[in-house]
PDB file of N, CA and C in Angstrom:
ATOM      1  N   MET A   1     129.803  80.925 100.579  1.00  0.00           N
ATOM      2  CA  MET A   1     129.172  81.852  99.842  1.00  0.00           C
ATOM      3  C   MET A   1     127.652  81.339 100.004  1.00  0.00           C
ATOM      4  N   THR A   2     126.656  82.112 100.187  1.00  0.00           N
ATOM      5  CA  THR A   2     125.287  81.918 100.052  1.00  0.00           C
ATOM      6  C   THR A   2     124.619  82.971  99.101  1.00  0.00           C
ATOM      7  N   THR A   3     123.435  82.481  98.530  1.00  0.00           N
ATOM      8  CA  THR A   3     122.845  82.954  97.777  1.00  0.00           C
ATOM      9  C   THR A   3     121.535  83.405  98.258  1.00  0.00           C
ATOM     10  N   ILE A   4     120.855  84.521  97.909  1.00  0.00           N
ATOM     11  CA  ILE A   4     119.847  84.764  98.721  1.00  0.00           C
ATOM     12  C   ILE A   4     118.903  85.531  97.651  1.00  0.00           C
ATOM     13  N   SER A   5     117.673  85.037  97.660  1.00  0.00           N
ATOM     14  CA  SER A   5     116.450  85.829  96.653  1.00  0.00           C
ATOM     15  C   SER A   5     115.760  86.580  97.352  1.00  0.00           C
ATOM     16  N   ILE A   6     115.544  87.817  96.468  1.00  0.00           N
ATOM     17  CA  ILE A   6     114.201  88.603  96.841  1.00  0.00           C
ATOM     18  C   ILE A   6     113.367  88.884  96.035  1.00  0.00           C
ATOM     19  N   ARG A   7     111.938  89.338  96.338  1.00  0.00           N
ATOM     20  CA  ARG A   7     110.826  89.549  95.395  1.00  0.00           C
ATOM     21  C   ARG A   7     110.892  90.892  95.069  1.00  0.00           C
ATOM     22  N   LEU A   8     110.871  91.484  94.159  1.00  0.00           N
ATOM     23  CA  LEU A   8     110.983  92.985  93.906  1.00  0.00           C
ATOM     24  C   LEU A   8     109.679  92.881  92.668  1.00  0.00           C
ATOM     25  N   ASP A   9     109.057  94.335  93.029  1.00  0.00           N
ATOM     26  CA  ASP A   9     108.108  94.671  91.873  1.00  0.00           C
ATOM     27  C   ASP A   9     108.808  95.170  90.627  1.00  0.00           C
ATOM     28  N   ASP A  10     108.558  94.419  89.306  1.00  0.00           N
ATOM     29  CA  ASP A  10     109.277  94.661  87.962  1.00  0.00           C
ATOM     30  C   ASP A  10     109.549  95.790  87.997  1.00  0.00           C
ATOM     31  N   ASP A  11     108.744  96.976  87.893  1.00  0.00           N
ATOM     32  CA  ASP A  11     109.154  98.432  87.526  1.00  0.00           C
ATOM     33  C   ASP A  11     110.329  98.868  88.952  1.00  0.00           C
ATOM     34  N   GLU A  12     110.283  98.444  90.173  1.00  0.00           N
ATOM     35  CA  GLU A  12     111.269  98.526  91.076  1.00  0.00           C
ATOM     36  C   GLU A  12     112.550  98.286  90.705  1.00  0.00           C
ATOM     37  N   LYS A  13     112.393  96.854  90.348  1.00  0.00           N
ATOM     38  CA  LYS A  13     113.894  96.444  90.006  1.00  0.00           C
ATOM     39  C   LYS A  13     114.371  96.964  88.719  1.00  0.00           C
ATOM     40  N   LYS A  14     113.657  97.375  87.729  1.00  0.00           N
ATOM     41  CA  LYS A  14     114.274  97.962  86.536  1.00  0.00           C
ATOM     42  C   LYS A  14     114.668  99.284  87.153  1.00  0.00           C
ATOM     43  N   GLU A  15     113.929  99.928  87.633  1.00  0.00           N
ATOM     44  CA  GLU A  15     114.674 101.170  88.338  1.00  0.00           C
ATOM     45  C   GLU A  15     115.951 101.184  88.956  1.00  0.00           C
ATOM     46  N   LEU A  16     115.920 100.270  90.051  1.00  0.00           N
ATOM     47  CA  LEU A  16     117.156  99.747  90.911  1.00  0.00           C
ATOM     48  C   LEU A  16     118.440  99.466  90.361  1.00  0.00           C
ATOM     49  N   GLU A  17     117.999  98.599  88.833  1.00  0.00           N
ATOM     50  CA  GLU A  17     119.043  98.179  87.919  1.00  0.00           C
ATOM     51  C   GLU A  17     119.685  99.547  87.213  1.00  0.00           C
ATOM     52  N   GLU A  18     118.686 100.461  87.021  1.00  0.00           N
ATOM     53  CA  GLU A  18     119.213 101.553  86.166  1.00  0.00           C
ATOM     54  C   GLU A  18     119.931 102.684  87.385  1.00  0.00           C
ATOM     55  N   MET A  19     119.508 102.724  88.408  1.00  0.00           N
ATOM     56  CA  MET A  19     120.159 103.611  89.412  1.00  0.00           C
ATOM     57  C   MET A  19     121.697 102.992  89.682  1.00  0.00           C
ATOM     58  N   CYS A  20     121.457 101.567  89.869  1.00  0.00           N
ATOM     59  CA  CYS A  20     122.835 100.815  90.255  1.00  0.00           C
ATOM     60  C   CYS A  20     123.810 100.955  89.041  1.00  0.00           C
ATOM     61  N   SER A  21     123.111 100.906  87.842  1.00  0.00           N
ATOM     62  CA  SER A  21     124.134 101.153  86.546  1.00  0.00           C
ATOM     63  C   SER A  21     124.822 102.003  86.554  1.00  0.00           C
ATOM     64  N   SER A  22     124.087 103.379  86.988  1.00  0.00           N
ATOM     65  CA  SER A  22     124.442 104.773  86.463  1.00  0.00           C
ATOM     66  C   SER A  22     125.661 105.174  87.482  1.00  0.00           C
ATOM     67  N   MET A  23     125.369 104.074  88.687  1.00  0.00           N
ATOM     68  CA  MET A  23     126.634 104.131  89.609  1.00  0.00           C
ATOM     69  C   MET A  23     127.786 102.960  89.743  1.00  0.00           C
ATOM     70  N   GLY A  24     127.733 102.391  88.623  1.00  0.00           N
ATOM     71  CA  GLY A  24     128.599 101.707  87.901  1.00  0.00           C
ATOM     72  C   GLY A  24     128.652 100.283  88.884  1.00  0.00           C
ATOM     73  N   MET A  25     127.493  99.769  89.170  1.00  0.00           N
ATOM     74  CA  MET A  25     127.334  98.703  89.969  1.00  0.00           C
ATOM     75  C   MET A  25     125.973  97.753  89.660  1.00  0.00           C
ATOM     76  N   SER A  26     126.327  96.432  90.144  1.00  0.00           N
ATOM     77  CA  SER A  26     124.764  95.725  89.917  1.00  0.00           C
ATOM     78  C   SER A  26     124.288  95.743  91.017  1.00  0.00           C
ATOM     79  N   ILE A  27     123.095  95.219  91.018  1.00  0.00           N
ATOM     80  CA  ILE A  27     122.281  94.967  92.098  1.00  0.00           C
ATOM     81  C   ILE A  27     122.792  94.221  93.445  1.00  0.00           C
ATOM     82  N   SER A  28     123.597  93.265  92.978  1.00  0.00           N
ATOM     83  CA  SER A  28     124.077  92.454  93.764  1.00  0.00           C
ATOM     84  C   SER A  28     125.133  93.266  94.416  1.00  0.00           C
ATOM     85  N   THR A  29     125.942  94.164  93.886  1.00  0.00           N
ATOM     86  CA  THR A  29     126.793  94.786  94.697  1.00  0.00           C
ATOM     87  C   THR A  29     126.056  95.951  95.538  1.00  0.00           C
ATOM     88  N   PHE A  30     124.960  96.370  95.218  1.00  0.00           N
ATOM     89  CA  PHE A  30     124.276  97.384  96.135  1.00  0.00           C
ATOM     90  C   PHE A  30     123.909  96.665  97.148  1.00  0.00           C
ATOM     91  N   TYR A  31     123.291  95.305  97.266  1.00  0.00           N
ATOM     92  CA  TYR A  31     122.849  94.713  98.677  1.00  0.00           C
ATOM     93  C   TYR A  31     124.081  94.435  99.356  1.00  0.00           C
ATOM     94  N   MET A  32     125.373  93.845  98.680  1.00  0.00           N
ATOM     95  CA  MET A  32     126.502  94.011  99.713  1.00  0.00           C
ATOM     96  C   MET A  32     127.180  94.817 100.323  1.00  0.00           C
ATOM     97  N   LEU A  33     126.867  96.121  99.600  1.00  0.00           N
ATOM     98  CA  LEU A  33     127.184  97.251 100.239  1.00  0.00           C
ATOM     99  C   LEU A  33     126.291  97.516 101.067  1.00  0.00           C
ATOM    100  N   TYR A  34     125.049  97.663 101.137  1.00  0.00           N
ATOM    101  CA  TYR A  34     124.170  97.688 102.196  1.00  0.00           C
ATOM    102  C   TYR A  34     124.476  96.811 103.394  1.00  0.00           C
ATOM    103  N   THR A  35     124.537  95.470 102.992  1.00  0.00           N
ATOM    104  CA  THR A  35     125.029  94.430 104.240  1.00  0.00           C
ATOM    105  C   THR A  35     125.979  94.973 105.024  1.00  0.00           C
ATOM    106  N   LYS A  36     127.218  95.456 104.520  1.00  0.00           N
ATOM    107  CA  LYS A  36     128.170  95.673 104.991  1.00  0.00           C
ATOM    108  C   LYS A  36     127.840  96.862 105.887  1.00  0.00           C
ATOM    109  N   LYS A  37     127.399  97.976 105.425  1.00  0.00           N
ATOM    110  CA  LYS A  37     127.203  99.060 106.160  1.00  0.00           C
ATOM    111  C   LYS A  37     125.882  98.764 107.223  1.00  0.00           C
ATOM    112  N   ALA A  38     125.199  98.068 107.174  1.00  0.00           N
ATOM    113  CA  ALA A  38     124.441  97.593 108.625  1.00  0.00           C
ATOM    114  C   ALA A  38     125.322  96.915 109.288  1.00  0.00           C
ATOM    115  N   LEU A  39     126.062  95.848 109.007  1.00  0.00           N
ATOM    116  CA  LEU A  39     126.933  95.096 110.085  1.00  0.00           C
ATOM    117  C   LEU A  39     127.831  95.688 110.663  1.00  0.00           C
ATOM    118  N   ARG A  40     128.272  96.789 109.854  1.00  0.00           N
ATOM    119  CA  ARG A  40     129.367  97.637 110.527  1.00  0.00           C
ATOM    120  C   ARG A  40     128.802  98.696 111.376  1.00  0.00           C
ATOM    121  N   ASP A  41     127.883  99.203 111.160  1.00  0.00           N
ATOM    122  CA  ASP A  41     126.939 100.316 112.106  1.00  0.00           C
ATOM    123  C   ASP A  41     126.234  99.406 113.227  1.00  0.00           C
ATOM    124  N   ARG A  42     126.030  98.352 112.560  1.00  0.00           N
ATOM    125  CA  ARG A  42     125.110  97.627 113.724  1.00  0.00           C
ATOM    126  C   ARG A  42     123.590  98.062 113.915  1.00  0.00           C
ATOM    127  N   ARG A  43     122.997  98.851 112.803  1.00  0.00           N
ATOM    128  CA  ARG A  43     121.665  99.169 112.597  1.00  0.00           C
ATOM    129  C   ARG A  43     121.240  99.505 110.877  1.00  0.00           C
ATOM    130  N   ILE A  44     120.004  99.354 111.078  1.00  0.00           N
ATOM    131  CA  ILE A  44     119.877  99.724 109.434  1.00  0.00           C
ATOM    132  C   ILE A  44     120.273 101.103 109.126  1.00  0.00           C
ATOM    133  N   PRO A  45     120.884 100.967 107.907  1.00  0.00           N
ATOM    134  CA  PRO A  45     121.599 102.483 107.674  1.00  0.00           C
ATOM    135  C   PRO A  45     120.498 103.410 106.972  1.00  0.00           C
ATOM    136  N   PHE A  46     119.153 103.270 107.308  1.00  0.00           N
ATOM    137  CA  PHE A  46     118.257 104.547 107.188  1.00  0.00           C
ATOM    138  C   PHE A  46     117.253 104.473 108.399  1.00  0.00           C
ATOM    139  N   GLU A  47     116.621 105.633 108.411  1.00  0.00           N
ATOM    140  CA  GLU A  47     115.564 105.787 109.515  1.00  0.00           C
ATOM    141  C   GLU A  47     114.264 104.876 109.278  1.00  0.00           C
ATOM    142  N   ILE A  48     113.635 103.855 109.784  1.00  0.00           N
ATOM    143  CA  ILE A  48     112.297 103.409 109.334  1.00  0.00           C
ATOM    144  C   ILE A  48     111.403 103.988 110.515  1.00  0.00           C
ATOM    145  N   THR A  49     110.011 104.788 110.167  1.00  0.00           N
ATOM    146  CA  THR A  49     109.069 105.116 110.884  1.00  0.00           C
ATOM    147  C   THR A  49     107.825 104.309 110.500  1.00  0.00           C
ATOM    148  N   ALA A  50     106.944 104.764 111.660  1.00  0.00           N
ATOM    149  CA  ALA A  50     105.674 104.212 110.802  1.00  0.00           C
ATOM    150  C   ALA A  50     104.738 105.682 111.390  1.00  0.00           C
ATOM    151  N   PRO A  51     103.431 105.830 110.089  1.00  0.00           N
ATOM    152  CA  PRO A  51     102.804 107.132 110.697  1.00  0.00           C
ATOM    153  C   PRO A  51     102.059 106.913 111.851  1.00  0.00           C
ATOM    154  N   LYS A  52     101.849 108.127 112.349  1.00  0.00           N
ATOM    155  CA  LYS A  52     101.136 107.924 113.465  1.00  0.00           C
ATOM    156  C   LYS A  52      99.616 107.876 113.417  1.00  0.00           C
ATOM    157  N   ASP A  53      99.139 106.960 114.550  1.00  0.00           N
ATOM    158  CA  ASP A  53      97.711 106.635 114.280  1.00  0.00           C
ATOM    159  C   ASP A  53      96.708 107.982 113.994  1.00  0.00           C
ATOM    160  N   PRO A  54      96.035 108.031 112.981  1.00  0.00           N
ATOM    161  CA  PRO A  54      95.181 109.266 112.535  1.00  0.00           C
ATOM    162  C   PRO A  54      94.172 109.488 113.863  1.00  0.00           C
ATOM    163  N   PHE A  55      93.895 108.363 114.576  1.00  0.00           N
ATOM    164  CA  PHE A  55      92.982 108.822 115.536  1.00  0.00           C
ATOM    165  C   PHE A  55      93.227 110.119 116.763  1.00  0.00           C
ATOM    166  N   TYR A  56      94.822 109.810 116.794  1.00  0.00           N
ATOM    167  CA  TYR A  56      95.411 110.557 117.672  1.00  0.00           C
ATOM    168  C   TYR A  56      96.067 112.241 117.136  1.00  0.00           C
ATOM    169  N   SER A  57      95.515 112.556 115.980  1.00  0.00           N
ATOM    170  CA  SER A  57      95.937 113.776 115.384  1.00  0.00           C
ATOM    171  C   SER A  57      95.302 114.805 116.131  1.00  0.00           C
ATOM    172  N   SER A  58      95.784 116.028 116.083  1.00  0.00           N
ATOM    173  CA  SER A  58      95.595 117.189 116.845  1.00  0.00           C
ATOM    174  C   SER A  58      94.297 117.699 116.452  1.00  0.00           C
ATOM    175  N   SER A  59      93.959 117.585 115.298  1.00  0.00           N
ATOM    176  CA  SER A  59      92.566 117.702 114.713  1.00  0.00           C
ATOM    177  C   SER A  59      91.363 116.760 115.617  1.00  0.00           C
ATOM    178  N   ASN A  60      91.745 115.626 115.487  1.00  0.00           N
ATOM    179  CA  ASN A  60      90.931 114.580 115.953  1.00  0.00           C
ATOM    180  C   ASN A  60      90.578 114.935 117.573  1.00  0.00           C
ATOM    181  N   ILE A  61      91.607 115.086 118.114  1.00  0.00           N
ATOM    182  CA  ILE A  61      91.902 115.021 119.646  1.00  0.00           C
ATOM    183  C   ILE A  61      91.112 116.345 119.864  1.00  0.00           C
ATOM    184  N   SER A  62      91.246 117.459 118.915  1.00  0.00           N
ATOM    185  CA  SER A  62      90.213 118.628 119.371  1.00  0.00           C
ATOM    186  C   SER A  62      89.013 118.521 119.009  1.00  0.00           C
ATOM    187  N   GLN A  63      88.487 117.559 118.005  1.00  0.00           N
ATOM    188  CA  GLN A  63      87.053 117.344 118.072  1.00  0.00           C
ATOM    189  C   GLN A  63      86.510 116.653 119.436  1.00  0.00           C
ATOM    190  N   LEU A  64      87.396 115.853 119.695  1.00  0.00           N
ATOM    191  CA  LEU A  64      87.138 114.791 120.663  1.00  0.00           C
ATOM    192  C   LEU A  64      86.682 115.635 122.086  1.00  0.00           C
ATOM    193  N   LYS A  65      87.608 116.761 122.574  1.00  0.00           N
ATOM    194  CA  LYS A  65      87.420 117.394 123.587  1.00  0.00           C
ATOM    195  C   LYS A  65      86.088 118.200 123.465  1.00  0.00           C
ATOM    196  N   LYS A  66      85.753 119.085 122.141  1.00  0.00           N
ATOM    197  CA  LYS A  66      84.684 119.450 122.158  1.00  0.00           C
ATOM    198  C   LYS A  66      83.507 118.532 122.385  1.00  0.00           C
ATOM    199  N   ALA A  67      83.552 117.208 121.655  1.00  0.00           N
ATOM    200  CA  ALA A  67      82.269 116.513 121.981  1.00  0.00           C
ATOM    201  C   ALA A  67      82.065 115.968 123.276  1.00  0.00           C
ATOM    202  N   ASP A  68      83.150 115.999 124.165  1.00  0.00           N
ATOM    203  CA  ASP A  68      83.221 115.873 125.589  1.00  0.00           C
ATOM    204  C   ASP A  68      82.657 116.669 126.307  1.00  0.00           C
ATOM    205  N   ARG A  69      83.124 118.082 126.236  1.00  0.00           N
ATOM    206  CA  ARG A  69      82.133 119.236 126.587  1.00  0.00           C
ATOM    207  C   ARG A  69      80.843 119.517 126.447  1.00  0.00           C
ATOM    208  N   GLN A  70      80.416 119.356 125.076  1.00  0.00           N
ATOM    209  CA  GLN A  70      79.084 119.171 124.755  1.00  0.00           C
ATOM    210  C   GLN A  70      78.159 118.042 125.568  1.00  0.00           C
ATOM    211  N   ILE A  71      78.927 117.047 125.816  1.00  0.00           N
ATOM    212  CA  ILE A  71      78.239 115.789 126.469  1.00  0.00           C
ATOM    213  C   ILE A  71      78.044 116.420 127.884  1.00  0.00           C
ATOM    214  N   ARG A  72      79.302 116.533 128.392  1.00  0.00           N
ATOM    215  CA  ARG A  72      79.163 117.399 129.883  1.00  0.00           C
ATOM    216  C   ARG A  72      78.305 118.504 130.149  1.00  0.00           C
ATOM    217  N   ASN A  73      78.003 119.284 129.290  1.00  0.00           N
ATOM    218  CA  ASN A  73      76.868 120.528 129.010  1.00  0.00           C
ATOM    219  C   ASN A  73      75.425 120.102 128.685  1.00  0.00           C
ATOM    220  N   GLY A  74      75.189 118.815 128.392  1.00  0.00           N
ATOM    221  CA  GLY A  74      73.964 118.309 128.028  1.00  0.00           C
ATOM    222  C   GLY A  74      73.535 118.766 126.673  1.00  0.00           C
ATOM    223  N   GLN A  75      74.470 119.061 125.783  1.00  0.00           N
ATOM    224  CA  GLN A  75      74.129 119.431 124.730  1.00  0.00           C
ATOM    225  C   GLN A  75      74.181 118.304 123.672  1.00  0.00           C
ATOM    226  N   VAL A  76      73.375 117.321 123.935  1.00  0.00           N
ATOM    227  CA  VAL A  76      73.463 116.049 122.950  1.00  0.00           C
ATOM    228  C   VAL A  76      72.085 115.864 122.511  1.00  0.00           C
ATOM    229  N   VAL A  77      71.966 115.009 121.065  1.00  0.00           N
ATOM    230  CA  VAL A  77      70.762 115.140 120.498  1.00  0.00           C
ATOM    231  C   VAL A  77      70.949 113.791 120.181  1.00  0.00           C
ATOM    232  N   GLU A  78      69.920 113.158 120.906  1.00  0.00           N
ATOM    233  CA  GLU A  78      69.673 111.491 120.919  1.00  0.00           C
ATOM    234  C   GLU A  78      68.812 111.237 119.725  1.00  0.00           C
ATOM    235  N   LYS A  79      69.189 110.283 118.950  1.00  0.00           N
ATOM    236  CA  LYS A  79      68.367 109.896 117.602  1.00  0.00           C
ATOM    237  C   LYS A  79      68.411 108.244 117.494  1.00  0.00           C
ATOM    238  N   THR A  80      67.542 107.818 117.156  1.00  0.00           N
ATOM    239  CA  THR A  80      67.533 106.403 116.963  1.00  0.00           C
ATOM    240  C   THR A  80      68.155 106.224 115.613  1.00  0.00           C
ATOM    241  N   MET A  81      68.328 104.743 115.391  1.00  0.00           N
ATOM    242  CA  MET A  81      69.071 104.409 114.018  1.00  0.00           C
ATOM    243  C   MET A  81      67.873 104.849 112.865  1.00  0.00           C
ATOM    244  N   GLU A  82      66.680 104.519 113.198  1.00  0.00           N
ATOM    245  CA  GLU A  82      65.912 105.007 111.851  1.00  0.00           C
ATOM    246  C   GLU A  82      65.811 106.239 111.874  1.00  0.00           C
ATOM    247  N   GLU A  83      65.879 107.125 112.921  1.00  0.00           N
ATOM    248  CA  GLU A  83      65.603 108.480 112.551  1.00  0.00           C
ATOM    249  C   GLU A  83      66.796 109.139 111.862  1.00  0.00           C
ATOM    250  N   LEU A  84      68.184 108.497 112.342  1.00  0.00           N
ATOM    251  CA  LEU A  84      69.123 108.869 111.646  1.00  0.00           C
ATOM    252  C   LEU A  84      69.311 108.444 109.951  1.00  0.00           C
ATOM    253  N   GLU A  85      68.782 107.121 109.648  1.00  0.00           N
ATOM    254  CA  GLU A  85      68.534 106.665 108.380  1.00  0.00           C
ATOM    255  C   GLU A  85      67.401 107.239 107.512  1.00  0.00           C
ATOM    256  N   ALA A  86      66.480 107.955 108.179  1.00  0.00           N
ATOM    257  CA  ALA A  86      65.573 108.675 107.710  1.00  0.00           C
ATOM    258  C   ALA A  86      66.160 110.400 107.383  1.00  0.00           C
ATOM    259  N   LEU A  87      67.198 110.717 108.111  1.00  0.00           N
ATOM    260  CA  LEU A  87      67.737 112.250 107.799  1.00  0.00           C
ATOM    261  C   LEU A  87      68.569 111.799 106.595  1.00  0.00           C
ATOM    262  N   GLU A  88      69.152 110.829 106.429  1.00  0.00           N
ATOM    263  CA  GLU A  88      70.170 110.688 105.333  1.00  0.00           C
ATOM    264  C   GLU A  88      69.664 110.319 103.914  1.00  0.00           C
ATOM    265  N   SER A  89      68.149 109.986 104.019  1.00  0.00           N
ATOM    266  CA  SER A  89      67.392 110.103 102.600  1.00  0.00           C
ATOM    267  C   SER A  89      66.847 111.221 102.432  1.00  0.00           C
ATOM    268  N   GLU A  90      67.067 112.493 103.269  1.00  0.00           N
ATOM    269  CA  GLU A  90      66.357 113.515 103.000  1.00  0.00           C
ATOM    270  C   GLU A  90      67.137 114.441 101.964  1.00  0.00           C
TER     271      GLU A  90
END
């Protein structure tokens, strides 16, 4: 038998203890069940996803296409950094 230690936020640990207790088990039993399920199914027993990069959101792509059209049509306003900073202070 092996012992594994994990770090949990105090509030999350308390909430997990309460949840497990309401199901009639300890946190140790909870992790044992989780491990057995993962090993039996050979996968993590829930879906893990990462959020999409917001750069590729539909609204940003739309704005990029609009800017591209403006550049191609010569609708570009050029300003120096000093001019931009002056606009900011107005």
